[in-house]
Protein backbone atom coordinates (compact mmCIF):
# COMPACT_ATOMS: atom_id res chain seq x y z
CA UNK A 1 0.00 0.00 0.00
CA UNK A 2 1.35 3.34 -1.03
CA UNK A 3 0.77 6.30 1.18
CA UNK A 4 1.60 9.86 0.45
CA UNK A 5 2.47 12.50 2.96
CA UNK A 6 0.26 15.55 2.76
CA UNK A 7 2.14 18.74 2.02
CA UNK A 8 3.21 20.69 5.04
CA UNK A 9 1.96 24.23 5.32
CA UNK A 10 4.42 26.94 4.60
CA UNK A 11 4.88 28.94 7.74
CA UNK A 12 6.58 32.27 7.92
CA UNK A 13 9.62 32.56 10.15
CA UNK A 14 10.31 35.20 12.68
CA UNK A 15 11.58 37.58 10.06
CA UNK A 16 8.96 36.80 7.51
CA UNK A 17 11.08 34.24 5.55
CA UNK A 18 9.31 31.17 4.26
CA UNK A 19 10.64 27.85 5.52
CA UNK A 20 10.08 24.75 3.51
CA UNK A 21 11.91 21.79 2.14
CA UNK A 22 13.21 24.07 -0.65
CA UNK A 23 13.66 27.81 -0.25
CA UNK A 24 11.28 30.04 -2.07
CA UNK A 25 12.68 32.02 -4.98
CA UNK A 26 13.41 35.66 -4.40
CA UNK A 27 11.21 37.80 -6.64
CA UNK A 28 12.86 40.64 -8.45
CA UNK A 29 12.50 43.97 -6.79
CA UNK A 30 9.98 46.19 -8.51
CA UNK A 31 10.36 49.86 -9.08
CA UNK A 32 10.03 51.92 -5.95
CA UNK A 33 10.39 48.93 -3.69
CA UNK A 34 13.22 49.29 -1.19
CA UNK A 35 14.92 46.00 -0.37
CA UNK A 36 14.59 44.97 3.24
CA UNK A 37 11.66 47.36 3.87
CA UNK A 38 9.75 44.70 5.79
CA UNK A 39 7.05 42.12 5.06
CA UNK A 40 4.71 44.66 3.62
CA UNK A 41 7.20 45.70 1.00
CA UNK A 42 8.56 42.34 -0.06
CA UNK A 43 8.97 39.03 1.71
CA UNK A 44 12.55 38.09 2.44
CA UNK A 45 13.67 34.65 1.30
CA UNK A 46 16.48 32.33 2.33
CA UNK A 47 19.45 32.26 -0.07
CA UNK A 48 20.03 29.00 -1.94
CA UNK A 49 22.63 26.78 -0.32
CA UNK A 50 26.10 26.54 -1.83
CA UNK A 51 26.62 23.22 -3.62
CA UNK A 52 30.07 21.61 -3.21
CA UNK A 53 31.26 18.85 -5.56
CA UNK A 54 32.89 15.88 -3.89
CA UNK A 55 34.35 13.30 -6.32
CA UNK A 56 33.39 9.73 -5.66
CA UNK A 57 36.44 8.33 -7.51
CA UNK A 58 40.11 9.24 -7.04
CA UNK A 59 41.44 11.58 -9.70
CA UNK A 60 44.26 9.90 -11.67
CA UNK A 61 47.71 11.46 -11.19
CA UNK A 62 49.43 12.34 -14.44
CA UNK A 63 53.15 11.62 -14.27
CA UNK A 64 55.60 14.00 -15.84
CA UNK A 65 58.03 12.89 -18.53
CA UNK A 66 60.89 13.24 -16.06
CA UNK A 67 59.47 10.43 -14.01
CA UNK A 68 59.59 7.99 -16.88
CA UNK A 69 62.69 6.17 -18.11
CA UNK A 70 64.81 8.45 -20.32
CA UNK A 71 65.10 7.63 -23.98
CA UNK A 72 68.26 5.95 -25.20
CA UNK A 73 70.79 8.26 -26.83
CA UNK A 74 71.23 6.56 -30.19
CA UNK A 75 74.08 8.86 -31.20
CA UNK A 76 76.27 7.38 -28.47
CA UNK A 77 75.58 3.91 -29.82
CA UNK A 78 76.42 5.09 -33.34
CA UNK A 79 79.79 6.36 -32.08
CA UNK A 80 80.40 3.00 -30.41
CA UNK A 81 79.48 1.21 -33.63
CA UNK A 82 81.92 3.32 -35.63
CA UNK A 83 84.68 2.64 -33.09
CA UNK A 84 83.92 -1.08 -33.25
CA UNK A 85 84.21 -1.13 -37.04
CA UNK A 86 87.42 0.91 -36.84
CA UNK A 87 88.86 -1.58 -34.37
CA UNK A 88 87.95 -4.52 -36.63
CA UNK A 89 89.72 -2.76 -39.50
CA UNK A 90 92.81 -2.08 -37.40
CA UNK A 91 93.05 -5.75 -36.40
CA UNK A 92 92.32 -7.35 -39.77
CA UNK A 93 93.44 -5.01 -42.57
CA UNK A 94 97.07 -4.06 -43.26
CA UNK A 95 98.02 -0.76 -41.66
CA UNK A 96 101.16 -0.23 -43.70
CA UNK A 97 102.53 -1.08 -47.10
CA UNK A 98 106.29 -1.04 -47.26
CA UNK A 99 107.45 2.09 -45.53
CA UNK A 100 104.14 3.95 -45.85
CA UNK A 101 100.91 3.66 -43.86
CA UNK A 102 97.85 2.59 -45.82
CA UNK A 103 94.72 4.73 -46.06
CA UNK A 104 93.03 2.47 -43.51
CA UNK A 105 96.05 2.85 -41.25
CA UNK A 106 95.78 6.63 -41.40
CA UNK A 107 92.07 6.56 -40.64
CA UNK A 108 91.81 3.97 -37.89
CA UNK A 109 95.20 3.37 -36.29
CA UNK A 110 94.95 5.24 -33.00
CA UNK A 111 91.70 7.23 -32.85
CA UNK A 112 89.45 4.17 -32.63
CA UNK A 113 91.02 2.98 -29.40
CA UNK A 114 90.94 6.54 -28.06
CA UNK A 115 87.26 6.82 -28.99
CA UNK A 116 86.54 3.75 -26.89
CA UNK A 117 88.46 5.34 -24.03
CA UNK A 118 86.35 8.51 -24.16
CA UNK A 119 83.17 6.45 -24.48
CA UNK A 120 84.22 4.44 -21.42
CA UNK A 121 84.16 7.67 -19.43
CA UNK A 122 80.83 8.63 -20.96
CA UNK A 123 79.48 5.23 -19.88
CA UNK A 124 80.63 5.90 -16.32
CA UNK A 125 78.67 9.16 -16.40
CA UNK A 126 75.59 7.32 -17.60
CA UNK A 127 76.02 4.65 -14.93
CA UNK A 128 76.07 7.31 -12.21
CA UNK A 129 73.01 9.21 -13.39
CA UNK A 130 74.87 11.84 -15.47
CA UNK A 131 75.55 14.00 -12.45
CA UNK A 132 78.13 14.39 -9.72
CA UNK A 133 77.84 11.76 -7.01
CA UNK A 134 77.58 13.39 -3.60
CA UNK A 135 80.20 11.92 -1.22
CA UNK A 136 79.11 10.46 2.07
CA UNK A 137 75.73 9.28 0.82
CA UNK A 138 74.36 5.79 0.38
CA UNK A 139 74.21 6.46 -3.36
CA UNK A 140 77.96 7.14 -3.40
CA UNK A 141 78.69 3.82 -1.72
CA UNK A 142 76.39 1.95 -4.08
CA UNK A 143 77.85 3.58 -7.18
CA UNK A 144 81.40 2.86 -5.99
CA UNK A 145 80.63 -0.81 -5.45
CA UNK A 146 78.86 -1.09 -8.79
CA UNK A 147 81.82 0.43 -10.66
CA UNK A 148 84.28 -1.88 -8.91
CA UNK A 149 82.19 -4.98 -9.68
CA UNK A 150 81.76 -3.92 -13.28
CA UNK A 151 85.49 -3.27 -13.63
CA UNK A 152 86.38 -6.65 -12.14
CA UNK A 153 83.93 -8.43 -14.44
CA UNK A 154 85.23 -6.72 -17.60
CA UNK A 155 88.84 -7.16 -16.49
CA UNK A 156 88.28 -10.87 -15.89
CA UNK A 157 86.95 -11.29 -19.43
CA UNK A 158 90.08 -9.53 -20.68
CA UNK A 159 92.38 -11.82 -18.68
CA UNK A 160 90.54 -14.84 -20.10
CA UNK A 161 91.07 -13.62 -23.67
CA UNK A 162 94.75 -12.98 -22.93
CA UNK A 163 95.09 -16.45 -21.46
CA UNK A 164 93.61 -18.01 -24.60
CA UNK A 165 96.36 -16.44 -26.75
CA UNK A 166 94.15 -16.58 -29.83
CA UNK A 167 96.14 -14.11 -31.87
CA UNK A 168 98.31 -11.02 -31.86
CA UNK A 169 95.57 -8.59 -30.78
CA UNK A 170 96.36 -6.50 -27.72
CA UNK A 171 93.19 -7.06 -25.68
CA UNK A 172 91.96 -3.83 -24.15
CA UNK A 173 89.36 -5.18 -21.72
CA UNK A 174 91.75 -5.68 -18.80
CA UNK A 175 92.85 -2.04 -19.08
CA UNK A 176 89.17 -1.06 -19.23
CA UNK A 177 88.52 -2.92 -16.01
CA UNK A 178 91.21 -0.91 -14.22
CA UNK A 179 89.78 2.32 -15.64
CA UNK A 180 86.33 1.51 -14.22
CA UNK A 181 87.82 0.88 -10.77
CA UNK A 182 89.82 4.13 -10.86
CA UNK A 183 86.66 5.99 -11.89
CA UNK A 184 85.32 5.60 -8.33
CA UNK A 185 86.98 8.79 -7.00
CA UNK A 186 86.43 10.63 -10.28
CA UNK A 187 82.63 10.47 -10.10
CA UNK A 188 82.81 12.51 -6.88
CA UNK A 189 84.25 15.48 -8.78
CA UNK A 190 82.28 18.28 -10.40
CA UNK A 191 82.15 18.54 -14.16
CA UNK A 192 84.46 21.57 -14.25
CA UNK A 193 87.04 19.88 -12.03
CA UNK A 194 86.89 16.78 -14.22
CA UNK A 195 87.50 18.80 -17.37
CA UNK A 196 90.43 20.61 -15.74
CA UNK A 197 91.87 17.35 -14.42
CA UNK A 198 91.61 15.77 -17.87
CA UNK A 199 93.44 18.71 -19.44
CA UNK A 200 96.16 18.52 -16.78
CA UNK A 201 96.60 14.76 -17.26
CA UNK A 202 97.18 15.29 -20.98
CA UNK A 203 100.48 16.92 -20.02
CA UNK A 204 101.31 15.54 -16.58
CA UNK A 205 100.68 11.84 -17.22
CA UNK A 206 103.03 11.47 -20.25
CA UNK A 207 105.79 13.48 -18.54
CA UNK A 208 105.68 11.47 -15.31
CA UNK A 209 105.39 8.22 -17.26
CA UNK A 210 108.50 9.18 -19.26
CA UNK A 211 110.41 9.86 -16.05
CA UNK A 212 109.38 6.51 -14.58
CA UNK A 213 110.10 4.45 -17.68
CA UNK A 214 113.56 6.00 -17.93
CA UNK A 215 114.35 4.34 -14.58
CA UNK A 216 113.00 0.92 -15.56
CA UNK A 217 114.99 -1.76 -17.37
CA UNK A 218 113.86 -2.52 -20.94
CA UNK A 219 110.47 -4.16 -20.77
CA UNK A 220 108.51 -6.16 -23.31
CA UNK A 221 104.87 -5.68 -24.14
CA UNK A 222 103.03 -8.23 -22.02
CA UNK A 223 99.50 -9.40 -22.78
CA UNK A 224 97.57 -9.44 -19.46
CA UNK A 225 96.52 -12.98 -18.53
CA UNK A 226 95.80 -15.15 -15.49
CA UNK A 227 99.26 -16.68 -15.78
CA UNK A 228 100.89 -13.27 -15.62
CA UNK A 229 98.64 -12.35 -12.68
CA UNK A 230 99.99 -15.33 -10.72
CA UNK A 231 103.61 -15.48 -11.84
CA UNK A 232 104.45 -11.78 -12.21
CA UNK A 233 101.81 -9.55 -10.55
CA UNK A 234 104.22 -6.62 -10.31
CA UNK A 235 104.99 -6.88 -14.01
CA UNK A 236 101.27 -7.04 -14.79
CA UNK A 237 100.66 -3.91 -12.71
CA UNK A 238 103.47 -2.08 -14.50
CA UNK A 239 102.06 -3.12 -17.86
CA UNK A 240 98.53 -2.03 -17.03
CA UNK A 241 99.51 1.35 -15.60
CA UNK A 242 102.57 2.50 -17.53
CA UNK A 243 104.04 0.31 -20.28
CA UNK A 244 101.15 -1.62 -21.86
CA UNK A 245 99.36 -1.13 -25.15
CA UNK A 246 96.71 1.04 -23.45
CA UNK A 247 98.49 2.42 -20.34
CA UNK A 248 95.95 3.43 -17.73
CA UNK A 249 97.89 6.38 -16.29
CA UNK A 250 97.80 8.56 -19.44
CA UNK A 251 94.47 7.04 -20.48
CA UNK A 252 92.86 8.56 -17.40
CA UNK A 253 92.71 11.75 -19.49
CA UNK A 254 90.24 10.00 -21.83
CA UNK A 255 88.22 8.84 -18.83
CA UNK A 256 87.95 12.32 -17.27
CA UNK A 257 86.93 13.91 -20.57
CA UNK A 258 84.36 11.20 -21.21
CA UNK A 259 82.73 11.57 -17.79
CA UNK A 260 82.55 15.35 -18.20
CA UNK A 261 81.00 15.03 -21.67
CA UNK A 262 78.53 12.43 -20.44
CA UNK A 263 77.06 14.96 -18.01
CA UNK A 264 76.20 17.41 -20.78
CA UNK A 265 72.82 17.71 -22.52
CA UNK A 266 73.59 15.32 -25.34
CA UNK A 267 70.14 15.80 -26.86
CA UNK A 268 70.83 19.44 -27.75
CA UNK A 269 72.02 20.54 -31.17
CA UNK A 270 74.24 23.17 -29.58
CA UNK A 271 76.09 20.54 -27.53
CA UNK A 272 76.59 18.26 -30.53
CA UNK A 273 77.85 21.13 -32.68
CA UNK A 274 80.29 22.28 -30.00
CA UNK A 275 81.69 18.76 -29.64
CA UNK A 276 82.11 18.32 -33.39
CA UNK A 277 83.68 21.73 -34.08
CA UNK A 278 85.73 21.90 -30.89
CA UNK A 279 87.02 18.36 -31.31
CA UNK A 280 88.12 18.95 -34.89
CA UNK A 281 89.88 22.18 -33.87
CA UNK A 282 91.69 20.46 -30.99
CA UNK A 283 92.88 17.61 -33.22
CA UNK A 284 94.15 20.05 -35.83
CA UNK A 285 96.00 22.24 -33.34
CA UNK A 286 97.66 19.22 -31.73
CA UNK A 287 98.83 17.75 -35.04
CA UNK A 288 100.14 21.09 -36.35
CA UNK A 289 101.92 21.89 -33.08
CA UNK A 290 103.64 18.50 -33.09
CA UNK A 291 104.82 19.00 -36.67
CA UNK A 292 106.19 22.46 -35.88
CA UNK A 293 108.14 21.17 -32.89
CA UNK A 294 109.61 18.29 -34.85
CA UNK A 295 110.33 20.05 -38.13
CA UNK A 296 110.98 23.67 -37.17
CA UNK A 297 112.34 23.36 -33.63
CA UNK A 298 114.64 20.45 -34.51
CA UNK A 299 112.96 17.78 -32.43
CA UNK A 300 113.04 15.22 -35.22
CA UNK A 301 116.82 15.22 -35.41
CA UNK A 302 117.06 14.73 -31.66
CA UNK A 303 114.70 11.77 -31.82
CA UNK A 304 116.52 10.09 -34.70
CA UNK A 305 119.95 10.47 -33.11
CA UNK A 306 118.94 9.52 -29.58
CA UNK A 307 121.23 6.78 -28.19
CA UNK A 308 119.95 3.29 -27.57
CA UNK A 309 117.25 3.28 -30.25
CA UNK A 310 117.41 0.54 -32.86
CA UNK A 311 117.01 1.88 -36.44
CA UNK A 312 114.66 -0.95 -37.40
CA UNK A 313 112.49 -0.17 -34.40
CA UNK A 314 112.43 3.50 -35.37
CA UNK A 315 111.23 2.60 -38.85
CA UNK A 316 108.30 0.67 -37.44
CA UNK A 317 107.44 3.42 -34.96
CA UNK A 318 107.12 6.06 -37.67
CA UNK A 319 105.03 3.83 -39.92
CA UNK A 320 102.50 2.22 -37.55
CA UNK A 321 103.27 3.93 -34.25
CA UNK A 322 104.54 2.47 -30.98
CA UNK A 323 102.69 -0.01 -28.80
CA UNK A 324 101.27 2.25 -26.12
CA UNK A 325 104.27 4.38 -25.19
CA UNK A 326 107.35 5.85 -26.85
CA UNK A 327 110.98 5.05 -26.01
CA UNK A 328 112.35 7.00 -23.06
CA UNK A 329 115.68 7.75 -24.76
CA UNK A 330 114.92 11.44 -25.44
CA UNK A 331 112.52 14.04 -24.10
CA UNK A 332 111.77 15.02 -27.69
CA UNK A 333 109.71 11.84 -28.00
CA UNK A 334 107.01 13.71 -26.10
CA UNK A 335 106.63 16.02 -29.11
CA UNK A 336 105.45 13.33 -31.52
CA UNK A 337 101.79 12.61 -32.18
CA UNK A 338 102.21 9.08 -33.50
CA UNK A 339 99.26 6.73 -32.97
CA UNK A 340 99.33 4.81 -29.69
CA UNK A 341 102.24 6.90 -28.40
CA UNK A 342 100.43 8.36 -25.33
CA UNK A 343 102.28 11.67 -25.64
CA UNK A 344 100.62 15.02 -24.86
CA UNK A 345 100.07 15.69 -28.58
CA UNK A 346 98.77 12.19 -29.26
CA UNK A 347 96.33 12.43 -26.33
CA UNK A 348 95.13 15.89 -27.39
CA UNK A 349 94.78 14.85 -31.03
CA UNK A 350 92.83 11.67 -30.30
CA UNK A 351 90.63 13.36 -27.70
CA UNK A 352 89.79 15.86 -30.43
CA UNK A 353 88.97 13.17 -32.99
CA UNK A 354 86.85 11.32 -30.44
CA UNK A 355 84.82 14.40 -29.57
CA UNK A 356 84.37 15.21 -33.26
CA UNK A 357 83.06 11.72 -34.06
CA UNK A 358 80.71 11.79 -31.07
CA UNK A 359 79.46 15.25 -32.01
CA UNK A 360 78.74 14.19 -35.60
CA UNK A 361 76.90 11.09 -34.37
CA UNK A 362 74.74 13.24 -32.09
CA UNK A 363 74.07 15.68 -34.94
CA UNK A 364 72.89 12.72 -37.01
CA UNK A 365 70.50 11.96 -34.17
CA UNK A 366 69.05 15.46 -34.30
CA UNK A 367 68.77 15.35 -38.10
CA UNK A 368 66.90 12.04 -38.03
CA UNK A 369 64.52 13.41 -35.40
CA UNK A 370 63.75 16.54 -37.44
CA UNK A 371 63.20 14.71 -40.73
CA UNK A 372 61.45 11.65 -39.35
CA UNK A 373 58.33 12.30 -41.48
CA UNK A 374 60.31 12.66 -44.71
CA UNK A 375 61.93 10.15 -47.00
CA UNK A 376 65.40 11.49 -46.23
CA UNK A 377 64.80 11.03 -42.51
CA UNK A 378 63.64 7.46 -42.98
CA UNK A 379 66.71 6.68 -45.10
CA UNK A 380 69.05 8.17 -42.50
CA UNK A 381 67.26 6.24 -39.77
CA UNK A 382 67.69 3.01 -41.73
CA UNK A 383 71.42 3.69 -42.13
CA UNK A 384 71.82 4.60 -38.47
CA UNK A 385 69.92 1.55 -37.18
CA UNK A 386 72.52 -1.19 -37.82
CA UNK A 387 75.38 0.98 -36.50
CA UNK A 388 73.49 1.82 -33.32
CA UNK A 389 72.46 -1.82 -32.83
CA UNK A 390 76.06 -3.01 -33.15
CA UNK A 391 77.21 -0.21 -30.86
CA UNK A 392 74.70 -1.21 -28.18
CA UNK A 393 76.46 -4.56 -27.64
CA UNK A 394 80.13 -3.80 -28.27
CA UNK A 395 81.35 -5.94 -25.37
CA UNK A 396 79.84 -9.05 -26.93
CA UNK A 397 81.00 -8.21 -30.45
CA UNK A 398 84.50 -7.28 -29.33
CA UNK A 399 84.98 -10.66 -27.64
CA UNK A 400 83.65 -12.44 -30.74
CA UNK A 401 85.96 -10.35 -32.92
CA UNK A 402 89.04 -11.36 -30.91
CA UNK A 403 88.05 -15.03 -31.04
CA UNK A 404 87.19 -15.08 -34.76
CA UNK A 405 90.28 -13.10 -35.77
CA UNK A 406 92.52 -15.38 -33.73
CA UNK A 407 91.02 -18.58 -35.14
CA UNK A 408 91.02 -17.30 -38.74
CA UNK A 409 94.39 -15.59 -38.71
CA UNK A 410 95.32 -17.14 -42.06
CA UNK A 411 92.23 -15.88 -43.91
CA UNK A 412 92.25 -13.15 -46.51
CA UNK A 413 92.30 -9.79 -44.64
CA UNK A 414 89.68 -8.15 -46.84
CA UNK A 415 87.28 -11.09 -46.61
CA UNK A 416 87.82 -11.40 -42.86
CA UNK A 417 87.05 -7.71 -42.38
CA UNK A 418 83.97 -7.77 -44.58
CA UNK A 419 82.50 -10.88 -42.95
CA UNK A 420 82.95 -9.49 -39.45
CA UNK A 421 81.51 -6.07 -40.25
CA UNK A 422 78.46 -7.45 -42.03
CA UNK A 423 78.05 -9.98 -39.26
CA UNK A 424 78.00 -7.47 -36.41
CA UNK A 425 75.64 -5.13 -38.28
CA UNK A 426 73.15 -7.86 -39.14
CA UNK A 427 73.40 -9.79 -35.88
CA UNK A 428 73.11 -6.57 -33.88
CA UNK A 429 69.84 -5.62 -35.60
CA UNK A 430 68.30 -9.07 -35.13
CA UNK A 431 69.45 -9.49 -31.54
CA UNK A 432 68.34 -6.04 -30.45
CA UNK A 433 64.92 -6.41 -32.05
CA UNK A 434 64.05 -9.81 -30.63
CA UNK A 435 66.22 -10.25 -27.53
CA UNK A 436 67.25 -6.75 -26.39
CA UNK A 437 70.60 -6.32 -24.69
CA UNK A 438 73.66 -8.30 -25.75
CA UNK A 439 74.40 -11.49 -23.80
CA UNK A 440 77.63 -10.30 -22.18
CA UNK A 441 76.14 -6.86 -21.49
CA UNK A 442 73.14 -8.48 -19.81
CA UNK A 443 75.32 -10.88 -17.84
CA UNK A 444 77.57 -8.14 -16.47
CA UNK A 445 74.54 -5.98 -15.66
CA UNK A 446 72.84 -8.80 -13.73
CA UNK A 447 76.02 -9.50 -11.80
CA UNK A 448 76.35 -5.84 -10.85
CA UNK A 449 72.69 -5.62 -9.81
CA UNK A 450 73.00 -8.80 -7.73
CA UNK A 451 76.04 -7.57 -5.82
CA UNK A 452 75.01 -3.90 -5.53
CA UNK A 453 71.44 -2.90 -6.39
CA UNK A 454 71.05 0.48 -8.03
CA UNK A 455 70.73 3.35 -5.54
CA UNK A 456 67.57 5.37 -5.20
CA UNK A 457 67.49 8.42 -7.43
CA UNK A 458 65.41 10.42 -4.96
CA UNK A 459 67.85 10.38 -2.06
CA UNK A 460 68.39 13.87 -0.74
CA UNK A 461 71.93 15.05 -0.16
CA UNK A 462 72.94 15.93 3.35
CA UNK A 463 74.25 19.28 4.51
CA UNK A 464 77.54 17.66 5.44
CA UNK A 465 77.93 16.36 1.89
CA UNK A 466 77.39 19.82 0.43
CA UNK A 467 79.76 21.53 2.85
CA UNK A 468 82.46 18.92 2.29
CA UNK A 469 82.22 18.83 -1.51
CA UNK A 470 85.49 20.68 -2.04
CA UNK A 471 87.32 18.56 0.51
CA UNK A 472 85.91 15.40 -1.02
CA UNK A 473 87.16 16.47 -4.47
CA UNK A 474 90.64 17.03 -3.09
CA UNK A 475 90.59 13.68 -1.31
CA UNK A 476 89.37 11.94 -4.47
CA UNK A 477 92.21 13.36 -6.56
CA UNK A 478 94.65 12.53 -3.78
CA UNK A 479 93.44 8.93 -3.62
CA UNK A 480 93.85 8.59 -7.37
CA UNK A 481 97.39 9.94 -7.26
CA UNK A 482 98.27 7.68 -4.33
CA UNK A 483 97.05 4.63 -6.27
CA UNK A 484 99.17 5.54 -9.29
CA UNK A 485 102.18 6.39 -7.11
CA UNK A 486 101.87 3.02 -5.40
CA UNK A 487 101.87 1.35 -8.80
CA UNK A 488 104.99 3.30 -9.76
CA UNK A 489 106.67 2.24 -6.55
CA UNK A 490 105.89 -1.40 -7.23
CA UNK A 491 107.20 -1.04 -10.78
CA UNK A 492 110.53 0.36 -9.53
CA UNK A 493 110.89 -2.14 -6.68
CA UNK A 494 109.85 -5.20 -8.68
CA UNK A 495 110.66 -4.62 -12.37
CA UNK A 496 109.02 -6.91 -14.87
CA UNK A 497 110.96 -10.06 -15.68
CA UNK A 498 110.02 -9.76 -19.34
CA UNK A 499 109.48 -13.51 -19.65
CA UNK A 500 106.29 -13.17 -21.60
CA UNK A 501 106.63 -12.69 -25.31
CA UNK A 502 105.38 -9.64 -27.07
CA UNK A 503 101.94 -10.30 -28.44
CA UNK A 504 101.49 -7.24 -30.58
CA UNK A 505 101.65 -7.75 -34.30
CA UNK A 506 102.84 -4.17 -34.52
CA UNK A 507 106.01 -4.91 -32.57
CA UNK A 508 106.74 -7.92 -34.74
CA UNK A 509 106.29 -5.78 -37.83
CA UNK A 510 108.59 -3.15 -36.39
CA UNK A 511 111.39 -5.68 -36.00
CA UNK A 512 111.00 -6.77 -39.60
CA UNK A 513 111.04 -3.26 -41.07
CA UNK A 514 114.27 -2.33 -42.86
CA UNK A 515 116.46 0.18 -41.12
CA UNK A 516 116.23 2.61 -43.96
CA UNK A 517 112.48 2.81 -44.09
CA UNK A 518 111.26 6.08 -45.46
CA UNK A 519 109.15 8.68 -43.93
CA UNK A 520 105.67 8.12 -42.73
CA UNK A 521 103.32 10.61 -44.21
CA UNK A 522 101.24 10.32 -41.14
CA UNK A 523 104.00 10.64 -38.73
CA UNK A 524 105.15 13.96 -39.87
CA UNK A 525 108.71 12.77 -39.47
CA UNK A 526 111.10 10.97 -41.73
CA UNK A 527 112.26 7.48 -41.07
CA UNK A 528 115.56 6.78 -39.45
CA UNK A 529 117.38 6.74 -42.74
CA UNK A 530 116.35 10.32 -43.52
CA UNK A 531 117.85 13.55 -42.31
CA UNK A 532 116.17 16.04 -40.07
CA UNK A 533 115.88 18.43 -43.00
CA UNK A 534 113.82 16.08 -45.13
CA UNK A 535 110.23 17.12 -45.70
CA UNK A 536 107.70 15.08 -43.84
CA UNK A 537 104.01 14.88 -43.62
CA UNK A 538 101.79 15.24 -40.67
CA UNK A 539 102.24 12.65 -38.02
CA UNK A 540 98.80 11.96 -37.11
CA UNK A 541 97.73 8.51 -38.25
CA UNK A 542 94.38 7.91 -36.62
CA UNK A 543 92.45 4.96 -35.74
CA UNK A 544 91.71 2.50 -33.31
CA UNK A 545 92.44 -0.58 -31.80
CA UNK A 546 89.97 -0.27 -29.14
CA UNK A 547 87.55 -2.51 -27.76
CA UNK A 548 84.06 -1.59 -27.50
CA UNK A 549 84.04 -3.61 -24.56
CA UNK A 550 82.94 -1.56 -21.71
CA UNK A 551 79.56 -2.62 -20.65
CA UNK A 552 78.10 0.78 -20.52
CA UNK A 553 75.31 -1.29 -19.88
CA UNK A 554 74.38 0.59 -16.81
CA UNK A 555 73.73 3.55 -18.81
CA UNK A 556 71.41 1.59 -20.84
CA UNK A 557 69.58 -1.04 -19.31
CA UNK A 558 72.09 -1.89 -16.89
CA UNK A 559 71.12 0.17 -14.44
CA UNK A 560 71.55 3.32 -12.64
CA UNK A 561 72.09 5.53 -15.50
CA UNK A 562 70.50 8.61 -16.70
CA UNK A 563 70.06 7.28 -20.16
CA UNK A 564 69.57 3.87 -21.44
CA UNK A 565 72.44 4.14 -23.83
CA UNK A 566 75.11 3.81 -21.22
CA UNK A 567 74.32 0.35 -20.26
CA UNK A 568 75.46 -1.38 -23.38
CA UNK A 569 78.70 0.37 -23.86
């Protein structure tokens, strides 16, 4: 049964307002009627209540782009891919023909290895979030442990390749491992301090290395291996720091520059342009300055007549360059810019070429992004894709390159080079599309994450950390210098026995070169049979021997990095 409630009467309130379930509407005031003049003039009504909206469902929070994972910097991978191809060329194709360097030798012999050194520093920057690590924080401890574990893992792979003795390639991975460990104090420095330290090391490291090597007995180029680690640890330390194919002490300049560059805004056209133009200018100035010192100031004559230098060895040095360091027979050796000589001019020249290549690769990135909706953009993207894919897994491809080159040492050089280059480009594209990160990159990244999980990116820095930033920078540089000084002390106290044979094909070639080899157009200096007055070409042969093997993987997927691209380096 349905009942209805009769309407309640509307009763006026004390002031004449009508009370009811709903307030009565207020009639408009007529002419001559004064508002509020009383009931006789116009009844007063209650104002309508204010309606407030209360949502029944939570409003979704829109995240900002900064909260999402940063996009991978493909230009960095392109630079790695170019360095990888340059390294394959340096290890498979002839670098000299008679007493002259080949075109490939001039292009790749030296700068490729240096490019990998700079990219190793850039990877460290990506692994540490592309910013200075505040000392005294939990993040600093985590980052330090992660760099040490990564360095040990990469160095162990290098020792295994050296132990296998697959060929005459000077394996760079063990040197890379040491660089990652020594990067621990460097990440505590500001970007400006890093840049200044890198510039200082370009001069200081070769000079101090020259002084030290002058006090050491003649040493042979040793290939780091587990056997050498057990039988001659002091000799291994000397090789890694001062006398090896990629001596860590002068190569710290590459590391400092790379970390500083990695903290820049690599996605800006202005940054890419500055790197390309500035790098080319630095390389040019270094090469010209070296030539002036040798040809005009008489340095070449001093080098050629220095006592204790074998003429056949000199011929090889000026054609293909030394194996890491120059002889310590004359201070004028520091004026050359030969590939793999680790002199101030060689370091400056190859830092310049590395920055120029990186800048051009980043400019290609910007061009592809701007023309993505055009045919030209799609073509450039298709060309860039295989290079970037190969560059994203250089650790894996470098190891495969060493193994394949060692096992097929008797193959035709041109065919061996072509097969390897096409293989890494094709395999990189397929692997990246269907499986993601390279197998060795993924393995190193998982090991690092298992031992030291990535630190939180939201940790606030303490007041103590800010106040002690300058002191921490000084302590970091001091710790680095103490480590190198300790290595120098060990080298002087326990000189290398030199039992291990030289593994570099370059040194073997140098011994076979005739004593009267001519001038190297790249070297900017005539061969030992020439006089100091003979004309010579520029001594800059570029290229690389490097390795692609740093698992920048943290900067990519590996972990704590500001951009994905660091992880696969």
